Amino acid sequence: MNVCVIGTGYVGLVSGVCFSEIGNNVTCVDLDENKINNLRKGIVPIYEPGLEDLVIKNTKEGKLSFTTRLTEGMDNADVIIIAVGTPEKETGEADLQYVEAVAKSIGENLNGYKVIVTKSTVPVGTNRRVKELVAKYSGSGNFDVASNPEFLREGSAIHDTMNMERAIIGVESEKAGQVLSELHQPFNTTIMVTTIETAEMIKYASNAFLATKISFINEIATICEKFNADVTDVAKGMGLDGRIGSKFLNAGIGYGGSCFPKDTKALIQISGEVEHDFQLLKSVIEVNNKQQRVLLEKAKERFGNLSGKNIALLGLAFKPNTDDMRESASIVIADELVKQGAKVKGFDPIAKETARRVLPQQVEISEDMEKTLEGADIIMILTDWDEVKNLDLSTLAGKQKKPVIFDGRNCFSLDYAGQFGLEYHSIGRPSLV
């Protein structure tokens, strides 16, 4: 099948590469000439394990190509995938200007029957708007629109796509449903065909529910600390219930990234448009905002004034295996520490350059964890990278000045941390002092 993917951001590039990997001819289109030229050379603009190798492999095999010319991608395409950004407006709603601009361009260049698929996360009703624009600028009804939301996790996006749990296909014609079902069959996944509006809502509902699980267990963690209980075991016991499951019950310093923060706010806006006050989701966001500051509160309670303290931040990306720092707790924490006069060093194995752009310039950023830890009075663990989880705590115990550890990701068991006489504070578990 011939597939045109418009937009080479995170969703578009991963989707296009994976569709080529299963045997389709894919053309990825983007207006950014520098990005396209780099992709043709195998230079990938984002960090995602396995992505660069697949770009190089499928480009060499002739199944994957990159262009700035929309007609080059569209002309022979059976399926056109819209995967441009839908950034958050100040009001919290999704900005659809790029989706609408693409729909207009598709209409102006339509040259035969196409299935036009929106993979970007968009509010309910957006695909109807896409249909109106394509029809207006093409003067034709020889096309179908569809919703096919993505469910990728940054850091494991290739694996998630090649082993997708389900493909949600929202259509209004049987023909479009057959085309998109055929496109997804090689993934050997569960295919659910539904209405366009239902597919749009499934994406928001899924992310909102996962965000709710995270905020819920973080609230439980706060209560656990009051009663000297261990939230890790609480979550394990909960997860043994098949109705609940263990995923997304890891207490910590909240969620971040490009999806959960944006999508929860957007769903509140969508609800408001139909006069529904989504109180539960508002609370989820409130809890998450509070949770991102919990290590700051613990440190201030322990030390009082943090001015002049040498503080090492381990992990800066919002999660491991990505360089994405959007809505990362490290931003909130670093900003506040600098304001309080602390001397801050930050370590991240991948997000070094991103961190330099978004963190205060006073933060010294390094890819060398040992250098970051030198002279630290306080260590704050913000991202559970393997490098951080494999840190030998005995080396810290051997220092003349032992640092106090505030672990925002519960990287170490209390039994292990307790072997070395270190002061260790984590989330939802008894402190070791």
Foldseek 3Di string as FASTA:
>chain_A
DAEEEEDCDDVRLLVQLLLLVLPAQYEYEYQPPVQQVCLLVLRHPWFAPPSSVSSVVSVVVNRYHYDHDPCVRQVPHQEYEYAHAQDADPQLATRCPVVLVVLLVCLQNPDAEHEYEYQYQHAQPVQVVSQVNSCVNNVDPRYWYKYWYDDADGRCRNVCQLQPQETEIATDDPVSVVVVCVSRVSSVYHYDYHHRRVNSVVLLVVLLVLLLLQLVLLVVLVVLQVVQHASVVVLVVVQVPPVRHNPSNFHFLGAFFDPNSSSLSNVCVSCVVVPHHPVSSVVSVVSNVVSLCVLVVVVCVVPVQQAAAQEEEEDQDQEPSTLHNGRRSNQVVQVVSVVSHHQYEYEDLPNQVVCCVRHPVSYHYDPDRVVRPPPHQEYEYRYQYVVVLPDDCLVQLPDPRRHAYEYRRCSDDPVRNQPRQHFYHYTSHHTRD
